[in-house]
Protein backbone atom coordinates (compact mmCIF):
# COMPACT_ATOMS: atom_id res chain seq x y z
CA MET A 1 92.89 115.20 55.92
CA THR A 2 89.38 116.59 55.71
CA THR A 3 88.02 113.43 54.13
CA SER A 4 89.54 111.28 56.87
CA LEU A 5 87.90 113.47 59.53
CA LEU A 6 84.57 113.13 57.75
CA LEU A 7 84.95 109.35 57.61
CA LEU A 8 85.85 109.27 61.30
CA ALA A 9 82.83 111.42 62.20
CA GLU A 10 80.58 109.18 60.09
CA ALA A 11 81.90 106.06 61.82
CA ALA A 12 81.40 107.64 65.25
CA THR A 13 77.68 108.09 64.61
CA GLY A 14 77.26 104.31 64.72
CA LEU A 15 78.72 103.90 68.21
CA THR A 16 76.46 102.09 70.60
CA GLY A 17 76.08 102.19 74.35
CA ASN A 18 78.58 99.34 74.74
CA VAL A 19 81.37 101.51 73.40
CA THR A 20 80.27 104.40 75.59
CA PHE A 21 80.35 102.21 78.68
CA GLY A 22 83.69 100.71 77.70
CA ILE A 23 85.32 104.11 77.33
CA ALA A 24 83.77 105.44 80.55
CA GLY A 25 84.72 102.30 82.48
CA ALA A 26 88.29 102.40 81.22
CA GLY A 27 88.58 106.08 82.11
CA ALA A 28 87.23 105.47 85.60
CA ALA A 29 89.61 102.55 86.14
CA ILE A 30 92.61 104.58 85.00
CA GLY A 31 91.54 107.49 87.20
CA ILE A 32 91.13 105.30 90.27
CA GLY A 33 94.52 103.71 89.65
CA LEU A 34 96.21 107.09 89.38
CA ILE A 35 94.47 108.33 92.54
CA GLY A 36 95.66 105.28 94.48
CA ALA A 37 99.20 105.61 93.18
CA ARG A 38 99.45 109.29 94.04
CA ALA A 39 97.89 108.82 97.49
CA THR A 40 100.39 106.06 98.24
CA GLU A 41 103.23 108.26 97.03
CA ALA A 42 102.01 111.17 99.18
CA VAL A 43 101.86 109.00 102.32
CA GLY A 44 105.29 107.57 101.52
CA ARG A 45 106.77 111.05 101.38
CA ASN A 46 104.91 112.39 104.42
CA PRO A 47 103.45 109.69 106.71
CA GLY A 48 101.90 112.35 108.93
CA ALA A 49 99.52 113.33 106.14
CA PHE A 50 97.92 109.88 106.03
CA GLY A 51 94.47 111.00 107.21
CA ARG A 52 94.22 113.94 104.83
CA ALA A 53 95.58 111.94 101.89
CA LEU A 54 93.15 109.10 102.57
CA THR A 55 90.18 111.46 102.82
CA MET A 56 91.04 113.20 99.57
CA ALA A 57 91.71 109.88 97.83
CA ILE A 58 88.29 108.54 98.86
CA ILE A 59 86.54 111.70 97.63
CA PHE A 60 88.31 111.70 94.28
CA THR A 61 87.80 107.96 93.85
CA ALA A 62 84.07 108.49 94.31
CA LEU A 63 84.13 111.23 91.69
CA ALA A 64 86.04 109.03 89.23
CA GLU A 65 83.64 106.16 89.85
CA ALA A 66 80.69 108.48 89.22
CA MET A 67 81.97 109.02 85.68
CA GLY A 68 81.85 105.27 85.13
CA ILE A 69 78.29 105.18 86.45
CA PHE A 70 77.31 107.99 84.08
CA GLY A 71 78.74 105.91 81.26
CA LEU A 72 76.61 102.97 82.38
CA VAL A 73 73.49 105.14 82.38
CA PHE A 74 74.30 106.43 78.90
CA ALA A 75 74.94 102.87 77.72
CA PHE A 76 71.46 101.79 78.85
CA GLN A 77 69.99 104.79 77.06
CA GLY A 78 71.80 103.75 73.88
CA LYS A 79 73.77 106.97 73.46
């Protein structure tokens, strides 16, 4: 088990910015999808909360997208 962890850590040192951006972009896309699904579900259950649900969904979508942008910055830096 220890040797496999060492091999995994050694392989991770060779990751480039492309992998970083891919992981960050996938995480942001999954996060935005979950936010949209939950906001739609909340409005479906309580249509009167549309304005509040939309506001919170926009805020959290911006936060999730910011993580993707950070990944892009790190990718250009080569980290």
